[in-house]
């Protein structure tokens, strides 16, 4: 299993299944509203061969996997690439062991 970000329209509860072609490929660990969209973290099974942009379904709503540069701890040095914000300043976020730059 690997940790992935999921972009979805609204936040969802921890423990919610991540589906691909009606097959469970993962489970949401956290979800939060970020501006107009929601971002969730989920462990996705490696056998599902996840990739950025992969279409998934959560709570019967379409969503997509996003590979986020800051999903590792401790964070790397330098500028992070982030689809929502670009900054060289580190900011703590409400997800466990995740830092946003």
PDB file of N, CA and C in Angstrom:
ATOM      1  N   UNK A   1       0.833  -1.188   0.000  1.00  0.00           N
ATOM      2  CA  UNK A   1       0.000   0.000   0.000  1.00  0.00           C
ATOM      3  C   UNK A   1       0.871   1.241   0.000  1.00  0.00           C
ATOM      4  N   UNK A   2       0.387   2.258  -0.683  1.00  0.00           N
ATOM      5  CA  UNK A   2       1.088   3.542  -0.699  1.00  0.00           C
ATOM      6  C   UNK A   2       0.100   4.651  -0.375  1.00  0.00           C
ATOM      7  N   UNK A   3       0.621   5.725   0.191  1.00  0.00           N
ATOM      8  CA  UNK A   3      -0.207   6.859   0.577  1.00  0.00           C
ATOM      9  C   UNK A   3      -0.375   7.799  -0.607  1.00  0.00           C
ATOM     10  N   UNK A   4      -1.612   8.120  -0.930  1.00  0.00           N
ATOM     11  CA  UNK A   4      -1.944   9.000  -2.050  1.00  0.00           C
ATOM     12  C   UNK A   4      -2.866  10.103  -1.588  1.00  0.00           C
ATOM     13  N   UNK A   5      -2.839  11.209  -2.307  1.00  0.00           N
ATOM     14  CA  UNK A   5      -3.831  12.256  -2.130  1.00  0.00           C
ATOM     15  C   UNK A   5      -4.980  11.963  -3.073  1.00  0.00           C
ATOM     16  N   UNK A   6      -6.167  12.384  -2.685  1.00  0.00           N
ATOM     17  CA  UNK A   6      -7.338  12.229  -3.544  1.00  0.00           C
ATOM     18  C   UNK A   6      -8.072  13.559  -3.580  1.00  0.00           C
ATOM     19  N   UNK A   7      -8.284  14.055  -4.767  1.00  0.00           N
ATOM     20  CA  UNK A   7      -9.045  15.287  -4.942  1.00  0.00           C
ATOM     21  C   UNK A   7     -10.500  14.892  -5.166  1.00  0.00           C
ATOM     22  N   UNK A   8     -11.397  15.444  -4.329  1.00  0.00           N
ATOM     23  CA  UNK A   8     -12.804  15.107  -4.423  1.00  0.00           C
ATOM     24  C   UNK A   8     -13.663  16.340  -4.151  1.00  0.00           C
ATOM     25  N   UNK A   9     -14.949  16.309  -4.507  1.00  0.00           N
ATOM     26  CA  UNK A   9     -15.768  17.513  -4.386  1.00  0.00           C
ATOM     27  C   UNK A   9     -16.095  17.919  -2.952  1.00  0.00           C
ATOM     28  N   UNK A  10     -16.271  16.967  -2.053  1.00  0.00           N
ATOM     29  CA  UNK A  10     -16.604  17.264  -0.654  1.00  0.00           C
ATOM     30  C   UNK A  10     -15.809  16.333   0.257  1.00  0.00           C
ATOM     31  N   UNK A  11     -15.531  16.755   1.498  1.00  0.00           N
ATOM     32  CA  UNK A  11     -14.825  15.866   2.430  1.00  0.00           C
ATOM     33  C   UNK A  11     -15.636  14.591   2.694  1.00  0.00           C
ATOM     34  N   UNK A  12     -14.945  13.558   3.111  1.00  0.00           N
ATOM     35  CA  UNK A  12     -15.587  12.285   3.424  1.00  0.00           C
ATOM     36  C   UNK A  12     -15.024  11.757   4.736  1.00  0.00           C
ATOM     37  N   UNK A  13     -15.680  10.799   5.324  1.00  0.00           N
ATOM     38  CA  UNK A  13     -15.275  10.258   6.619  1.00  0.00           C
ATOM     39  C   UNK A  13     -14.083   9.311   6.485  1.00  0.00           C
ATOM     40  N   UNK A  14     -13.261   9.293   7.534  1.00  0.00           N
ATOM     41  CA  UNK A  14     -12.164   8.324   7.595  1.00  0.00           C
ATOM     42  C   UNK A  14     -12.764   6.920   7.565  1.00  0.00           C
ATOM     43  N   UNK A  15     -12.099   6.023   6.868  1.00  0.00           N
ATOM     44  CA  UNK A  15     -12.574   4.654   6.760  1.00  0.00           C
ATOM     45  C   UNK A  15     -13.423   4.393   5.525  1.00  0.00           C
ATOM     46  N   UNK A  16     -13.740   5.449   4.776  1.00  0.00           N
ATOM     47  CA  UNK A  16     -14.535   5.300   3.559  1.00  0.00           C
ATOM     48  C   UNK A  16     -13.727   4.560   2.493  1.00  0.00           C
ATOM     49  N   UNK A  17     -14.382   3.669   1.784  1.00  0.00           N
ATOM     50  CA  UNK A  17     -13.716   2.878   0.746  1.00  0.00           C
ATOM     51  C   UNK A  17     -13.421   3.723  -0.484  1.00  0.00           C
ATOM     52  N   UNK A  18     -12.268   3.452  -1.094  1.00  0.00           N
ATOM     53  CA  UNK A  18     -11.900   4.036  -2.379  1.00  0.00           C
ATOM     54  C   UNK A  18     -12.113   2.933  -3.409  1.00  0.00           C
ATOM     55  N   UNK A  19     -12.969   3.198  -4.396  1.00  0.00           N
ATOM     56  CA  UNK A  19     -13.329   2.184  -5.383  1.00  0.00           C
ATOM     57  C   UNK A  19     -12.800   2.529  -6.764  1.00  0.00           C
ATOM     58  N   UNK A  20     -12.466   1.494  -7.511  1.00  0.00           N
ATOM     59  CA  UNK A  20     -12.080   1.615  -8.923  1.00  0.00           C
ATOM     60  C   UNK A  20     -12.785   0.477  -9.646  1.00  0.00           C
ATOM     61  N   UNK A  21     -13.661   0.782 -10.573  1.00  0.00           N
ATOM     62  CA  UNK A  21     -14.450  -0.244 -11.270  1.00  0.00           C
ATOM     63  C   UNK A  21     -15.174  -1.155 -10.276  1.00  0.00           C
ATOM     64  N   UNK A  22     -15.792  -0.549  -9.262  1.00  0.00           N
ATOM     65  CA  UNK A  22     -16.560  -1.237  -8.209  1.00  0.00           C
ATOM     66  C   UNK A  22     -15.726  -2.189  -7.354  1.00  0.00           C
ATOM     67  N   UNK A  23     -14.422  -2.072  -7.400  1.00  0.00           N
ATOM     68  CA  UNK A  23     -13.532  -2.885  -6.563  1.00  0.00           C
ATOM     69  C   UNK A  23     -12.840  -1.970  -5.561  1.00  0.00           C
ATOM     70  N   UNK A  24     -12.829  -2.390  -4.299  1.00  0.00           N
ATOM     71  CA  UNK A  24     -12.171  -1.596  -3.266  1.00  0.00           C
ATOM     72  C   UNK A  24     -10.661  -1.676  -3.455  1.00  0.00           C
ATOM     73  N   UNK A  25     -10.039  -0.503  -3.637  1.00  0.00           N
ATOM     74  CA  UNK A  25      -8.585  -0.480  -3.813  1.00  0.00           C
ATOM     75  C   UNK A  25      -7.889   0.268  -2.682  1.00  0.00           C
ATOM     76  N   UNK A  26      -8.673   0.834  -1.760  1.00  0.00           N
ATOM     77  CA  UNK A  26      -8.060   1.573  -0.675  1.00  0.00           C
ATOM     78  C   UNK A  26      -9.072   2.092   0.323  1.00  0.00           C
ATOM     79  N   UNK A  27      -8.535   2.821   1.328  1.00  0.00           N
ATOM     80  CA  UNK A  27      -9.353   3.367   2.403  1.00  0.00           C
ATOM     81  C   UNK A  27      -8.884   4.771   2.743  1.00  0.00           C
ATOM     82  N   UNK A  28      -9.835   5.678   2.880  1.00  0.00           N
ATOM     83  CA  UNK A  28      -9.528   7.062   3.254  1.00  0.00           C
ATOM     84  C   UNK A  28      -9.085   7.104   4.714  1.00  0.00           C
ATOM     85  N   UNK A  29      -8.002   7.834   4.993  1.00  0.00           N
ATOM     86  CA  UNK A  29      -7.546   8.003   6.370  1.00  0.00           C
ATOM     87  C   UNK A  29      -7.939   9.360   6.938  1.00  0.00           C
ATOM     88  N   UNK A  30      -7.928  10.397   6.101  1.00  0.00           N
ATOM     89  CA  UNK A  30      -8.294  11.757   6.518  1.00  0.00           C
ATOM     90  C   UNK A  30      -8.848  12.500   5.319  1.00  0.00           C
ATOM     91  N   UNK A  31      -9.658  13.513   5.613  1.00  0.00           N
ATOM     92  CA  UNK A  31     -10.214  14.342   4.554  1.00  0.00           C
ATOM     93  C   UNK A  31     -10.470  15.732   5.106  1.00  0.00           C
ATOM     94  N   UNK A  32     -10.242  16.743   4.269  1.00  0.00           N
ATOM     95  CA  UNK A  32     -10.422  18.121   4.709  1.00  0.00           C
ATOM     96  C   UNK A  32     -10.780  18.999   3.517  1.00  0.00           C
ATOM     97  N   UNK A  33     -11.551  20.048   3.774  1.00  0.00           N
ATOM     98  CA  UNK A  33     -11.918  20.997   2.729  1.00  0.00           C
ATOM     99  C   UNK A  33     -10.786  21.997   2.548  1.00  0.00           C
ATOM    100  N   UNK A  34     -10.342  22.179   1.305  1.00  0.00           N
ATOM    101  CA  UNK A  34      -9.281  23.124   0.967  1.00  0.00           C
ATOM    102  C   UNK A  34      -9.843  24.038  -0.108  1.00  0.00           C
ATOM    103  N   UNK A  35     -10.169  25.240   0.255  1.00  0.00           N
ATOM    104  CA  UNK A  35     -10.804  26.188  -0.676  1.00  0.00           C
ATOM    105  C   UNK A  35     -12.083  25.589  -1.229  1.00  0.00           C
ATOM    106  N   UNK A  36     -12.231  25.472  -2.554  1.00  0.00           N
ATOM    107  CA  UNK A  36     -13.474  24.968  -3.144  1.00  0.00           C
ATOM    108  C   UNK A  36     -13.509  23.454  -3.296  1.00  0.00           C
ATOM    109  N   UNK A  37     -12.435  22.796  -3.020  1.00  0.00           N
ATOM    110  CA  UNK A  37     -12.370  21.353  -3.225  1.00  0.00           C
ATOM    111  C   UNK A  37     -11.946  20.671  -1.931  1.00  0.00           C
ATOM    112  N   UNK A  38     -12.071  19.378  -1.896  1.00  0.00           N
ATOM    113  CA  UNK A  38     -11.643  18.616  -0.726  1.00  0.00           C
ATOM    114  C   UNK A  38     -10.429  17.781  -1.109  1.00  0.00           C
ATOM    115  N   UNK A  39      -9.605  17.525  -0.127  1.00  0.00           N
ATOM    116  CA  UNK A  39      -8.434  16.684  -0.314  1.00  0.00           C
ATOM    117  C   UNK A  39      -8.468  15.613   0.754  1.00  0.00           C
ATOM    118  N   UNK A  40      -8.266  14.383   0.338  1.00  0.00           N
ATOM    119  CA  UNK A  40      -8.239  13.264   1.269  1.00  0.00           C
ATOM    120  C   UNK A  40      -6.904  12.553   1.132  1.00  0.00           C
ATOM    121  N   UNK A  41      -6.524  11.866   2.177  1.00  0.00           N
ATOM    122  CA  UNK A  41      -5.373  10.970   2.133  1.00  0.00           C
ATOM    123  C   UNK A  41      -5.914   9.555   2.224  1.00  0.00           C
ATOM    124  N   UNK A  42      -5.343   8.662   1.449  1.00  0.00           N
ATOM    125  CA  UNK A  42      -5.805   7.280   1.457  1.00  0.00           C
ATOM    126  C   UNK A  42      -4.648   6.347   1.158  1.00  0.00           C
ATOM    127  N   UNK A  43      -4.701   5.180   1.773  1.00  0.00           N
ATOM    128  CA  UNK A  43      -3.760   4.123   1.429  1.00  0.00           C
ATOM    129  C   UNK A  43      -4.369   3.335   0.277  1.00  0.00           C
ATOM    130  N   UNK A  44      -3.635   3.264  -0.839  1.00  0.00           N
ATOM    131  CA  UNK A  44      -4.104   2.585  -2.044  1.00  0.00           C
ATOM    132  C   UNK A  44      -3.265   1.332  -2.265  1.00  0.00           C
ATOM    133  N   UNK A  45      -3.921   0.234  -2.563  1.00  0.00           N
ATOM    134  CA  UNK A  45      -3.214  -1.029  -2.807  1.00  0.00           C
ATOM    135  C   UNK A  45      -2.316  -0.920  -4.031  1.00  0.00           C
ATOM    136  N   UNK A  46      -1.109  -1.411  -3.891  1.00  0.00           N
ATOM    137  CA  UNK A  46      -0.140  -1.364  -4.998  1.00  0.00           C
ATOM    138  C   UNK A  46      -0.609  -2.173  -6.197  1.00  0.00           C
ATOM    139  N   UNK A  47      -1.343  -3.265  -5.956  1.00  0.00           N
ATOM    140  CA  UNK A  47      -1.805  -4.106  -7.070  1.00  0.00           C
ATOM    141  C   UNK A  47      -2.781  -3.363  -7.976  1.00  0.00           C
ATOM    142  N   UNK A  48      -3.355  -2.262  -7.490  1.00  0.00           N
ATOM    143  CA  UNK A  48      -4.255  -1.445  -8.317  1.00  0.00           C
ATOM    144  C   UNK A  48      -3.469  -0.583  -9.297  1.00  0.00           C
ATOM    145  N   UNK A  49      -2.151  -0.590  -9.173  1.00  0.00           N
ATOM    146  CA  UNK A  49      -1.257   0.196 -10.023  1.00  0.00           C
ATOM    147  C   UNK A  49      -1.697   1.660 -10.111  1.00  0.00           C
ATOM    148  N   UNK A  50      -1.729   2.343  -8.943  1.00  0.00           N
ATOM    149  CA  UNK A  50      -2.193   3.736  -8.926  1.00  0.00           C
ATOM    150  C   UNK A  50      -1.264   4.669  -9.694  1.00  0.00           C
ATOM    151  N   UNK A  51      -1.845   5.719 -10.242  1.00  0.00           N
ATOM    152  CA  UNK A  51      -1.078   6.734 -10.967  1.00  0.00           C
ATOM    153  C   UNK A  51      -1.794   8.073 -10.808  1.00  0.00           C
ATOM    154  N   UNK A  52      -1.072   9.186 -10.925  1.00  0.00           N
ATOM    155  CA  UNK A  52      -1.705  10.499 -10.803  1.00  0.00           C
ATOM    156  C   UNK A  52      -2.801  10.676 -11.857  1.00  0.00           C
ATOM    157  N   UNK A  53      -3.952  11.154 -11.417  1.00  0.00           N
ATOM    158  CA  UNK A  53      -5.075  11.361 -12.320  1.00  0.00           C
ATOM    159  C   UNK A  53      -6.004  10.165 -12.445  1.00  0.00           C
ATOM    160  N   UNK A  54      -5.642   9.041 -11.816  1.00  0.00           N
ATOM    161  CA  UNK A  54      -6.482   7.845 -11.886  1.00  0.00           C
ATOM    162  C   UNK A  54      -7.879   8.156 -11.344  1.00  0.00           C
ATOM    163  N   UNK A  55      -8.905   7.819 -12.109  1.00  0.00           N
ATOM    164  CA  UNK A  55     -10.289   8.046 -11.688  1.00  0.00           C
ATOM    165  C   UNK A  55     -10.695   6.990 -10.666  1.00  0.00           C
ATOM    166  N   UNK A  56     -11.237   7.437  -9.547  1.00  0.00           N
ATOM    167  CA  UNK A  56     -11.733   6.552  -8.500  1.00  0.00           C
ATOM    168  C   UNK A  56     -13.110   7.059  -8.074  1.00  0.00           C
ATOM    169  N   UNK A  57     -13.734   6.318  -7.176  1.00  0.00           N
ATOM    170  CA  UNK A  57     -15.047   6.695  -6.670  1.00  0.00           C
ATOM    171  C   UNK A  57     -15.034   6.612  -5.151  1.00  0.00           C
ATOM    172  N   UNK A  58     -15.568   7.645  -4.507  1.00  0.00           N
ATOM    173  CA  UNK A  58     -15.674   7.679  -3.052  1.00  0.00           C
ATOM    174  C   UNK A  58     -17.082   8.141  -2.712  1.00  0.00           C
ATOM    175  N   UNK A  59     -17.805   7.361  -1.918  1.00  0.00           N
ATOM    176  CA  UNK A  59     -19.197   7.699  -1.571  1.00  0.00           C
ATOM    177  C   UNK A  59     -20.037   7.958  -2.818  1.00  0.00           C
ATOM    178  N   UNK A  60     -19.875   7.164  -3.833  1.00  0.00           N
ATOM    179  CA  UNK A  60     -20.601   7.274  -5.105  1.00  0.00           C
ATOM    180  C   UNK A  60     -20.369   8.615  -5.799  1.00  0.00           C
ATOM    181  N   UNK A  61     -19.226   9.231  -5.532  1.00  0.00           N
ATOM    182  CA  UNK A  61     -18.847  10.486  -6.179  1.00  0.00           C
ATOM    183  C   UNK A  61     -17.519  10.287  -6.891  1.00  0.00           C
ATOM    184  N   UNK A  62     -17.355  10.903  -8.063  1.00  0.00           N
ATOM    185  CA  UNK A  62     -16.081  10.778  -8.773  1.00  0.00           C
ATOM    186  C   UNK A  62     -14.975  11.540  -8.059  1.00  0.00           C
ATOM    187  N   UNK A  63     -13.781  10.994  -8.123  1.00  0.00           N
ATOM    188  CA  UNK A  63     -12.605  11.615  -7.517  1.00  0.00           C
ATOM    189  C   UNK A  63     -11.403  11.181  -8.341  1.00  0.00           C
ATOM    190  N   UNK A  64     -10.245  11.766  -8.041  1.00  0.00           N
ATOM    191  CA  UNK A  64      -9.038  11.346  -8.756  1.00  0.00           C
ATOM    192  C   UNK A  64      -7.842  11.364  -7.824  1.00  0.00           C
ATOM    193  N   UNK A  65      -6.922  10.436  -8.086  1.00  0.00           N
ATOM    194  CA  UNK A  65      -5.697  10.364  -7.298  1.00  0.00           C
ATOM    195  C   UNK A  65      -4.761  11.493  -7.700  1.00  0.00           C
ATOM    196  N   UNK A  66      -4.096  12.057  -6.713  1.00  0.00           N
ATOM    197  CA  UNK A  66      -3.075  13.072  -6.973  1.00  0.00           C
ATOM    198  C   UNK A  66      -1.842  12.708  -6.163  1.00  0.00           C
ATOM    199  N   UNK A  67      -0.692  12.764  -6.793  1.00  0.00           N
ATOM    200  CA  UNK A  67       0.565  12.493  -6.100  1.00  0.00           C
ATOM    201  C   UNK A  67       1.047  13.813  -5.531  1.00  0.00           C
ATOM    202  N   UNK A  68       1.113  13.896  -4.225  1.00  0.00           N
ATOM    203  CA  UNK A  68       1.495  15.136  -3.563  1.00  0.00           C
ATOM    204  C   UNK A  68       2.930  15.044  -3.067  1.00  0.00           C
ATOM    205  N   UNK A  69       3.716  16.047  -3.385  1.00  0.00           N
ATOM    206  CA  UNK A  69       5.143  16.046  -3.054  1.00  0.00           C
ATOM    207  C   UNK A  69       5.396  16.016  -1.557  1.00  0.00           C
ATOM    208  N   UNK A  70       4.437  16.453  -0.760  1.00  0.00           N
ATOM    209  CA  UNK A  70       4.667  16.558   0.681  1.00  0.00           C
ATOM    210  C   UNK A  70       4.085  15.386   1.463  1.00  0.00           C
ATOM    211  N   UNK A  71       3.829  14.246   0.823  1.00  0.00           N
ATOM    212  CA  UNK A  71       3.298  13.097   1.545  1.00  0.00           C
ATOM    213  C   UNK A  71       4.378  12.234   2.175  1.00  0.00           C
ATOM    214  N   UNK A  72       5.550  12.780   2.362  1.00  0.00           N
ATOM    215  CA  UNK A  72       6.609  12.045   3.041  1.00  0.00           C
ATOM    216  C   UNK A  72       7.005  12.800   4.295  1.00  0.00           C
ATOM    217  N   UNK A  73       7.522  12.089   5.264  1.00  0.00           N
ATOM    218  CA  UNK A  73       7.982  12.697   6.506  1.00  0.00           C
ATOM    219  C   UNK A  73       9.309  12.057   6.867  1.00  0.00           C
ATOM    220  N   UNK A  74      10.337  12.805   7.211  1.00  0.00           N
ATOM    221  CA  UNK A  74      10.357  14.273   7.244  1.00  0.00           C
ATOM    222  C   UNK A  74      10.360  14.846   5.832  1.00  0.00           C
ATOM    223  N   UNK A  75       9.976  16.096   5.696  1.00  0.00           N
ATOM    224  CA  UNK A  75       9.910  16.703   4.366  1.00  0.00           C
ATOM    225  C   UNK A  75      11.283  16.883   3.750  1.00  0.00           C
ATOM    226  N   UNK A  76      11.330  16.906   2.431  1.00  0.00           N
ATOM    227  CA  UNK A  76      12.580  17.161   1.728  1.00  0.00           C
ATOM    228  C   UNK A  76      12.971  18.621   1.833  1.00  0.00           C
ATOM    229  N   UNK A  77      14.157  18.915   1.406  1.00  0.00           N
ATOM    230  CA  UNK A  77      14.641  20.289   1.441  1.00  0.00           C
ATOM    231  C   UNK A  77      14.382  20.916   0.087  1.00  0.00           C
ATOM    232  N   UNK A  78      13.995  22.163   0.079  1.00  0.00           N
ATOM    233  CA  UNK A  78      13.781  22.861  -1.186  1.00  0.00           C
ATOM    234  C   UNK A  78      12.325  23.159  -1.449  1.00  0.00           C
ATOM    235  N   UNK A  79      12.053  23.562  -2.637  1.00  0.00           N
ATOM    236  CA  UNK A  79      10.705  23.991  -3.018  1.00  0.00           C
ATOM    237  C   UNK A  79       9.830  22.782  -3.372  1.00  0.00           C
ATOM    238  N   UNK A  80       8.642  22.742  -2.826  1.00  0.00           N
ATOM    239  CA  UNK A  80       7.690  21.671  -3.135  1.00  0.00           C
ATOM    240  C   UNK A  80       6.818  22.064  -4.306  1.00  0.00           C
ATOM    241  N   UNK A  81       6.382  21.086  -5.037  1.00  0.00           N
ATOM    242  CA  UNK A  81       5.409  21.320  -6.099  1.00  0.00           C
ATOM    243  C   UNK A  81       4.045  20.916  -5.558  1.00  0.00           C
ATOM    244  N   UNK A  82       3.093  21.784  -5.648  1.00  0.00           N
ATOM    245  CA  UNK A  82       1.794  21.611  -5.027  1.00  0.00           C
ATOM    246  C   UNK A  82       0.747  22.216  -5.955  1.00  0.00           C
ATOM    247  N   UNK A  83      -0.312  21.480  -6.306  1.00  0.00           N
ATOM    248  CA  UNK A  83      -1.286  22.022  -7.250  1.00  0.00           C
ATOM    249  C   UNK A  83      -2.088  23.200  -6.720  1.00  0.00           C
ATOM    250  N   UNK A  84      -2.127  23.404  -5.401  1.00  0.00           N
ATOM    251  CA  UNK A  84      -2.950  24.471  -4.838  1.00  0.00           C
ATOM    252  C   UNK A  84      -2.152  25.692  -4.423  1.00  0.00           C
ATOM    253  N   UNK A  85      -0.911  25.536  -4.074  1.00  0.00           N
ATOM    254  CA  UNK A  85      -0.149  26.648  -3.538  1.00  0.00           C
ATOM    255  C   UNK A  85       1.328  26.402  -3.813  1.00  0.00           C
ATOM    256  N   UNK A  86       2.037  27.437  -4.177  1.00  0.00           N
ATOM    257  CA  UNK A  86       3.476  27.304  -4.346  1.00  0.00           C
ATOM    258  C   UNK A  86       4.154  28.316  -3.442  1.00  0.00           C
ATOM    259  N   UNK A  87       4.997  27.822  -2.586  1.00  0.00           N
ATOM    260  CA  UNK A  87       5.673  28.674  -1.622  1.00  0.00           C
ATOM    261  C   UNK A  87       6.917  27.946  -1.141  1.00  0.00           C
ATOM    262  N   UNK A  88       7.890  28.688  -0.694  1.00  0.00           N
ATOM    263  CA  UNK A  88       9.078  28.055  -0.118  1.00  0.00           C
ATOM    264  C   UNK A  88       8.970  27.992   1.400  1.00  0.00           C
ATOM    265  N   UNK A  89       7.873  28.476   1.956  1.00  0.00           N
ATOM    266  CA  UNK A  89       7.691  28.486   3.408  1.00  0.00           C
ATOM    267  C   UNK A  89       6.902  27.249   3.842  1.00  0.00           C
ATOM    268  N   UNK A  90       7.392  26.542   4.867  1.00  0.00           N
ATOM    269  CA  UNK A  90       6.710  25.350   5.367  1.00  0.00           C
ATOM    270  C   UNK A  90       5.543  25.758   6.246  1.00  0.00           C
ATOM    271  N   UNK A  91       4.437  25.050   6.120  1.00  0.00           N
ATOM    272  CA  UNK A  91       3.266  25.286   6.961  1.00  0.00           C
ATOM    273  C   UNK A  91       2.757  23.936   7.466  1.00  0.00           C
ATOM    274  N   UNK A  92       2.482  23.804   8.747  1.00  0.00           N
ATOM    275  CA  UNK A  92       1.892  22.543   9.227  1.00  0.00           C
ATOM    276  C   UNK A  92       0.443  22.440   8.762  1.00  0.00           C
ATOM    277  N   UNK A  93      -0.019  21.227   8.519  1.00  0.00           N
ATOM    278  CA  UNK A  93      -1.387  20.988   8.091  1.00  0.00           C
ATOM    279  C   UNK A  93      -2.044  20.068   9.087  1.00  0.00           C
ATOM    280  N   UNK A  94      -3.326  19.892   9.024  1.00  0.00           N
ATOM    281  CA  UNK A  94      -4.006  19.091  10.031  1.00  0.00           C
ATOM    282  C   UNK A  94      -3.922  17.585   9.793  1.00  0.00           C
ATOM    283  N   UNK A  95      -3.259  17.123   8.752  1.00  0.00           N
ATOM    284  CA  UNK A  95      -3.082  15.685   8.564  1.00  0.00           C
ATOM    285  C   UNK A  95      -1.881  15.207   9.375  1.00  0.00           C
ATOM    286  N   UNK A  96      -1.969  13.993   9.888  1.00  0.00           N
ATOM    287  CA  UNK A  96      -0.870  13.424  10.660  1.00  0.00           C
ATOM    288  C   UNK A  96       0.376  13.281   9.796  1.00  0.00           C
ATOM    289  N   UNK A  97       1.504  13.709  10.292  1.00  0.00           N
ATOM    290  CA  UNK A  97       2.804  13.548   9.652  1.00  0.00           C
ATOM    291  C   UNK A  97       2.859  14.091   8.231  1.00  0.00           C
ATOM    292  N   UNK A  98       2.118  15.147   7.966  1.00  0.00           N
ATOM    293  CA  UNK A  98       2.125  15.742   6.635  1.00  0.00           C
ATOM    294  C   UNK A  98       2.427  17.220   6.758  1.00  0.00           C
ATOM    295  N   UNK A  99       3.331  17.702   5.962  1.00  0.00           N
ATOM    296  CA  UNK A  99       3.649  19.124   5.941  1.00  0.00           C
ATOM    297  C   UNK A  99       3.367  19.666   4.558  1.00  0.00           C
ATOM    298  N   UNK A 100       2.805  20.846   4.507  1.00  0.00           N
ATOM    299  CA  UNK A 100       2.505  21.514   3.245  1.00  0.00           C
ATOM    300  C   UNK A 100       3.528  22.597   3.037  1.00  0.00           C
ATOM    301  N   UNK A 101       3.948  22.794   1.813  1.00  0.00           N
ATOM    302  CA  UNK A 101       4.845  23.902   1.537  1.00  0.00           C
ATOM    303  C   UNK A 101       4.159  24.888   0.634  1.00  0.00           C
TER     304      UNK A 101
END
